[in-house]
Amino acid sequence: MSCEHCEQTVEEALQGISGVSDVRADHEAENATIEGDPDSDAIVRAVEDTGYEASV
């Protein structure tokens, strides 16, 4: 992620996952903090579908 728009894109993708209660993406730290109990594979797929790399 390189900007605030990137953060918003990732946050919106992650908010659509079942079990996610809150998301905060940080482009400077290049990470996202997720609260809740989502499936880790769903997290990776959602982020990769936006064009970014992901790992859990």
PDB file of N, CA and C in Angstrom:
ATOM      1  N   MET A   1       0.840  -1.168   0.000  1.00  0.00           N
ATOM      2  CA  MET A   1       0.000   0.000   0.000  1.00  0.00           C
ATOM      3  C   MET A   1       0.886   1.233   0.000  1.00  0.00           C
ATOM      4  N   SER A   2       0.473   2.210  -0.766  1.00  0.00           N
ATOM      5  CA  SER A   2       1.304   3.403  -0.862  1.00  0.00           C
ATOM      6  C   SER A   2       0.578   4.704  -0.519  1.00  0.00           C
ATOM      7  N   CYS A   3      -0.728   4.636  -0.231  1.00  0.00           N
ATOM      8  CA  CYS A   3      -1.464   5.871   0.055  1.00  0.00           C
ATOM      9  C   CYS A   3      -2.726   5.565   0.867  1.00  0.00           C
ATOM     10  N   GLU A   4      -3.423   6.622   1.252  1.00  0.00           N
ATOM     11  CA  GLU A   4      -4.645   6.456   2.038  1.00  0.00           C
ATOM     12  C   GLU A   4      -5.745   5.777   1.229  1.00  0.00           C
ATOM     13  N   HIS A   5      -5.765   6.009  -0.080  1.00  0.00           N
ATOM     14  CA  HIS A   5      -6.756   5.326  -0.922  1.00  0.00           C
ATOM     15  C   HIS A   5      -6.514   3.817  -0.887  1.00  0.00           C
ATOM     16  N   CYS A   6      -5.252   3.411  -0.868  1.00  0.00           N
ATOM     17  CA  CYS A   6      -4.914   1.987  -0.771  1.00  0.00           C
ATOM     18  C   CYS A   6      -5.447   1.414   0.542  1.00  0.00           C
ATOM     19  N   GLU A   7      -5.273   2.163   1.627  1.00  0.00           N
ATOM     20  CA  GLU A   7      -5.797   1.725   2.926  1.00  0.00           C
ATOM     21  C   GLU A   7      -7.299   1.486   2.837  1.00  0.00           C
ATOM     22  N   GLN A   8      -8.011   2.432   2.235  1.00  0.00           N
ATOM     23  CA  GLN A   8      -9.466   2.328   2.123  1.00  0.00           C
ATOM     24  C   GLN A   8      -9.860   1.111   1.295  1.00  0.00           C
ATOM     25  N   THR A   9      -9.143   0.854   0.208  1.00  0.00           N
ATOM     26  CA  THR A   9      -9.438  -0.297  -0.646  1.00  0.00           C
ATOM     27  C   THR A   9      -9.300  -1.597   0.130  1.00  0.00           C
ATOM     28  N   VAL A  10      -8.209  -1.728   0.874  1.00  0.00           N
ATOM     29  CA  VAL A  10      -7.967  -2.940   1.656  1.00  0.00           C
ATOM     30  C   VAL A  10      -8.996  -3.057   2.784  1.00  0.00           C
ATOM     31  N   GLU A  11      -9.265  -1.966   3.474  1.00  0.00           N
ATOM     32  CA  GLU A  11     -10.248  -2.000   4.563  1.00  0.00           C
ATOM     33  C   GLU A  11     -11.618  -2.437   4.056  1.00  0.00           C
ATOM     34  N   GLU A  12     -12.048  -1.887   2.930  1.00  0.00           N
ATOM     35  CA  GLU A  12     -13.356  -2.253   2.380  1.00  0.00           C
ATOM     36  C   GLU A  12     -13.406  -3.733   2.006  1.00  0.00           C
ATOM     37  N   ALA A  13     -12.320  -4.241   1.436  1.00  0.00           N
ATOM     38  CA  ALA A  13     -12.280  -5.659   1.072  1.00  0.00           C
ATOM     39  C   ALA A  13     -12.362  -6.539   2.315  1.00  0.00           C
ATOM     40  N   LEU A  14     -11.649  -6.164   3.361  1.00  0.00           N
ATOM     41  CA  LEU A  14     -11.627  -6.971   4.578  1.00  0.00           C
ATOM     42  C   LEU A  14     -12.923  -6.862   5.371  1.00  0.00           C
ATOM     43  N   GLN A  15     -13.575  -5.721   5.317  1.00  0.00           N
ATOM     44  CA  GLN A  15     -14.836  -5.553   6.044  1.00  0.00           C
ATOM     45  C   GLN A  15     -15.931  -6.451   5.488  1.00  0.00           C
ATOM     46  N   GLY A  16     -15.763  -6.906   4.261  1.00  0.00           N
ATOM     47  CA  GLY A  16     -16.756  -7.778   3.658  1.00  0.00           C
ATOM     48  C   GLY A  16     -16.637  -9.233   4.063  1.00  0.00           C
ATOM     49  N   ILE A  17     -15.631  -9.562   4.862  1.00  0.00           N
ATOM     50  CA  ILE A  17     -15.400 -10.945   5.281  1.00  0.00           C
ATOM     51  C   ILE A  17     -16.216 -11.255   6.533  1.00  0.00           C
ATOM     52  N   SER A  18     -16.875 -12.391   6.511  1.00  0.00           N
ATOM     53  CA  SER A  18     -17.630 -12.844   7.671  1.00  0.00           C
ATOM     54  C   SER A  18     -16.690 -13.013   8.861  1.00  0.00           C
ATOM     55  N   GLY A  19     -17.076 -12.496  10.009  1.00  0.00           N
ATOM     56  CA  GLY A  19     -16.275 -12.627  11.217  1.00  0.00           C
ATOM     57  C   GLY A  19     -15.405 -11.421  11.513  1.00  0.00           C
ATOM     58  N   VAL A  20     -15.294 -10.485  10.575  1.00  0.00           N
ATOM     59  CA  VAL A  20     -14.497  -9.277  10.800  1.00  0.00           C
ATOM     60  C   VAL A  20     -15.382  -8.238  11.485  1.00  0.00           C
ATOM     61  N   SER A  21     -14.933  -7.742  12.642  1.00  0.00           N
ATOM     62  CA  SER A  21     -15.707  -6.723  13.349  1.00  0.00           C
ATOM     63  C   SER A  21     -15.105  -5.329  13.191  1.00  0.00           C
ATOM     64  N   ASP A  22     -13.797  -5.246  12.919  1.00  0.00           N
ATOM     65  CA  ASP A  22     -13.149  -3.949  12.715  1.00  0.00           C
ATOM     66  C   ASP A  22     -11.860  -4.161  11.943  1.00  0.00           C
ATOM     67  N   VAL A  23     -11.497  -3.168  11.126  1.00  0.00           N
ATOM     68  CA  VAL A  23     -10.263  -3.232  10.326  1.00  0.00           C
ATOM     69  C   VAL A  23      -9.614  -1.859  10.329  1.00  0.00           C
ATOM     70  N   ARG A  24      -8.300  -1.842  10.469  1.00  0.00           N
ATOM     71  CA  ARG A  24      -7.519  -0.621  10.328  1.00  0.00           C
ATOM     72  C   ARG A  24      -6.292  -0.944   9.489  1.00  0.00           C
ATOM     73  N   ALA A  25      -6.209  -0.342   8.307  1.00  0.00           N
ATOM     74  CA  ALA A  25      -5.049  -0.530   7.442  1.00  0.00           C
ATOM     75  C   ALA A  25      -4.118   0.663   7.608  1.00  0.00           C
ATOM     76  N   ASP A  26      -2.824   0.414   7.495  1.00  0.00           N
ATOM     77  CA  ASP A  26      -1.808   1.459   7.645  1.00  0.00           C
ATOM     78  C   ASP A  26      -0.824   1.332   6.495  1.00  0.00           C
ATOM     79  N   HIS A  27      -0.888   2.274   5.546  1.00  0.00           N
ATOM     80  CA  HIS A  27      -0.013   2.166   4.377  1.00  0.00           C
ATOM     81  C   HIS A  27       1.450   2.393   4.728  1.00  0.00           C
ATOM     82  N   GLU A  28       1.734   3.199   5.743  1.00  0.00           N
ATOM     83  CA  GLU A  28       3.123   3.437   6.125  1.00  0.00           C
ATOM     84  C   GLU A  28       3.749   2.191   6.744  1.00  0.00           C
ATOM     85  N   ALA A  29       3.002   1.484   7.563  1.00  0.00           N
ATOM     86  CA  ALA A  29       3.498   0.250   8.184  1.00  0.00           C
ATOM     87  C   ALA A  29       3.305  -0.954   7.273  1.00  0.00           C
ATOM     88  N   GLU A  30       2.532  -0.758   6.198  1.00  0.00           N
ATOM     89  CA  GLU A  30       2.226  -1.818   5.234  1.00  0.00           C
ATOM     90  C   GLU A  30       1.585  -3.031   5.906  1.00  0.00           C
ATOM     91  N   ASN A  31       0.578  -2.748   6.766  1.00  0.00           N
ATOM     92  CA  ASN A  31      -0.147  -3.842   7.406  1.00  0.00           C
ATOM     93  C   ASN A  31      -1.587  -3.437   7.687  1.00  0.00           C
ATOM     94  N   ALA A  32      -2.348  -4.406   8.118  1.00  0.00           N
ATOM     95  CA  ALA A  32      -3.725  -4.154   8.531  1.00  0.00           C
ATOM     96  C   ALA A  32      -3.976  -4.909   9.824  1.00  0.00           C
ATOM     97  N   THR A  33      -4.695  -4.284  10.729  1.00  0.00           N
ATOM     98  CA  THR A  33      -5.090  -4.906  11.982  1.00  0.00           C
ATOM     99  C   THR A  33      -6.562  -5.269  11.873  1.00  0.00           C
ATOM    100  N   ILE A  34      -6.858  -6.526  12.131  1.00  0.00           N
ATOM    101  CA  ILE A  34      -8.218  -7.032  11.983  1.00  0.00           C
ATOM    102  C   ILE A  34      -8.700  -7.534  13.334  1.00  0.00           C
ATOM    103  N   GLU A  35      -9.894  -7.090  13.734  1.00  0.00           N
ATOM    104  CA  GLU A  35     -10.518  -7.590  14.953  1.00  0.00           C
ATOM    105  C   GLU A  35     -11.671  -8.497  14.571  1.00  0.00           C
ATOM    106  N   GLY A  36     -11.853  -9.548  15.334  1.00  0.00           N
ATOM    107  CA  GLY A  36     -12.918 -10.505  15.075  1.00  0.00           C
ATOM    108  C   GLY A  36     -12.339 -11.901  14.961  1.00  0.00           C
ATOM    109  N   ASP A  37     -13.074 -12.774  14.300  1.00  0.00           N
ATOM    110  CA  ASP A  37     -12.653 -14.164  14.156  1.00  0.00           C
ATOM    111  C   ASP A  37     -12.889 -14.652  12.723  1.00  0.00           C
ATOM    112  N   PRO A  38     -12.253 -13.973  11.745  1.00  0.00           N
ATOM    113  CA  PRO A  38     -12.442 -14.382  10.352  1.00  0.00           C
ATOM    114  C   PRO A  38     -11.539 -15.550   9.976  1.00  0.00           C
ATOM    115  N   ASP A  39     -11.861 -16.193   8.871  1.00  0.00           N
ATOM    116  CA  ASP A  39     -11.042 -17.264   8.314  1.00  0.00           C
ATOM    117  C   ASP A  39      -9.784 -16.649   7.707  1.00  0.00           C
ATOM    118  N   SER A  40      -8.606 -17.152   8.069  1.00  0.00           N
ATOM    119  CA  SER A  40      -7.353 -16.567   7.589  1.00  0.00           C
ATOM    120  C   SER A  40      -7.204 -16.679   6.074  1.00  0.00           C
ATOM    121  N   ASP A  41      -7.681 -17.763   5.469  1.00  0.00           N
ATOM    122  CA  ASP A  41      -7.615 -17.888   4.012  1.00  0.00           C
ATOM    123  C   ASP A  41      -8.476 -16.825   3.340  1.00  0.00           C
ATOM    124  N   ALA A  42      -9.601 -16.493   3.934  1.00  0.00           N
ATOM    125  CA  ALA A  42     -10.481 -15.460   3.380  1.00  0.00           C
ATOM    126  C   ALA A  42      -9.802 -14.095   3.430  1.00  0.00           C
ATOM    127  N   ILE A  43      -9.026 -13.848   4.477  1.00  0.00           N
ATOM    128  CA  ILE A  43      -8.285 -12.592   4.592  1.00  0.00           C
ATOM    129  C   ILE A  43      -7.287 -12.475   3.453  1.00  0.00           C
ATOM    130  N   VAL A  44      -6.493 -13.511   3.264  1.00  0.00           N
ATOM    131  CA  VAL A  44      -5.476 -13.497   2.210  1.00  0.00           C
ATOM    132  C   VAL A  44      -6.131 -13.313   0.845  1.00  0.00           C
ATOM    133  N   ARG A  45      -7.188 -14.069   0.565  1.00  0.00           N
ATOM    134  CA  ARG A  45      -7.876 -13.952  -0.731  1.00  0.00           C
ATOM    135  C   ARG A  45      -8.408 -12.540  -0.954  1.00  0.00           C
ATOM    136  N   ALA A  46      -9.031 -11.965   0.055  1.00  0.00           N
ATOM    137  CA  ALA A  46      -9.620 -10.629  -0.084  1.00  0.00           C
ATOM    138  C   ALA A  46      -8.555  -9.583  -0.397  1.00  0.00           C
ATOM    139  N   VAL A  47      -7.432  -9.648   0.293  1.00  0.00           N
ATOM    140  CA  VAL A  47      -6.361  -8.678   0.051  1.00  0.00           C
ATOM    141  C   VAL A  47      -5.739  -8.911  -1.320  1.00  0.00           C
ATOM    142  N   GLU A  48      -5.454 -10.156  -1.658  1.00  0.00           N
ATOM    143  CA  GLU A  48      -4.858 -10.445  -2.959  1.00  0.00           C
ATOM    144  C   GLU A  48      -5.793 -10.063  -4.101  1.00  0.00           C
ATOM    145  N   ASP A  49      -7.098 -10.169  -3.887  1.00  0.00           N
ATOM    146  CA  ASP A  49      -8.066  -9.763  -4.912  1.00  0.00           C
ATOM    147  C   ASP A  49      -8.024  -8.260  -5.178  1.00  0.00           C
ATOM    148  N   THR A  50      -7.504  -7.481  -4.235  1.00  0.00           N
ATOM    149  CA  THR A  50      -7.365  -6.042  -4.453  1.00  0.00           C
ATOM    150  C   THR A  50      -6.042  -5.701  -5.129  1.00  0.00           C
ATOM    151  N   GLY A  51      -5.183  -6.711  -5.328  1.00  0.00           N
ATOM    152  CA  GLY A  51      -3.919  -6.489  -6.022  1.00  0.00           C
ATOM    153  C   GLY A  51      -2.708  -6.373  -5.119  1.00  0.00           C
ATOM    154  N   TYR A  52      -2.881  -6.627  -3.835  1.00  0.00           N
ATOM    155  CA  TYR A  52      -1.776  -6.541  -2.887  1.00  0.00           C
ATOM    156  C   TYR A  52      -1.383  -7.932  -2.409  1.00  0.00           C
ATOM    157  N   GLU A  53      -0.161  -8.045  -1.891  1.00  0.00           N
ATOM    158  CA  GLU A  53       0.295  -9.308  -1.313  1.00  0.00           C
ATOM    159  C   GLU A  53      -0.206  -9.390   0.122  1.00  0.00           C
ATOM    160  N   ALA A  54      -0.445 -10.616   0.570  1.00  0.00           N
ATOM    161  CA  ALA A  54      -0.938 -10.788   1.936  1.00  0.00           C
ATOM    162  C   ALA A  54      -0.376 -12.048   2.562  1.00  0.00           C
ATOM    163  N   SER A  55      -0.200 -11.988   3.870  1.00  0.00           N
ATOM    164  CA  SER A  55       0.154 -13.167   4.658  1.00  0.00           C
ATOM    165  C   SER A  55      -0.473 -12.979   6.029  1.00  0.00           C
ATOM    166  N   VAL A  56      -0.718 -14.107   6.696  1.00  0.00           N
ATOM    167  CA  VAL A  56      -1.342 -14.064   8.019  1.00  0.00           C
ATOM    168  C   VAL A  56      -0.406 -14.712   9.010  1.00  0.00           C
TER     169      VAL A  56
END
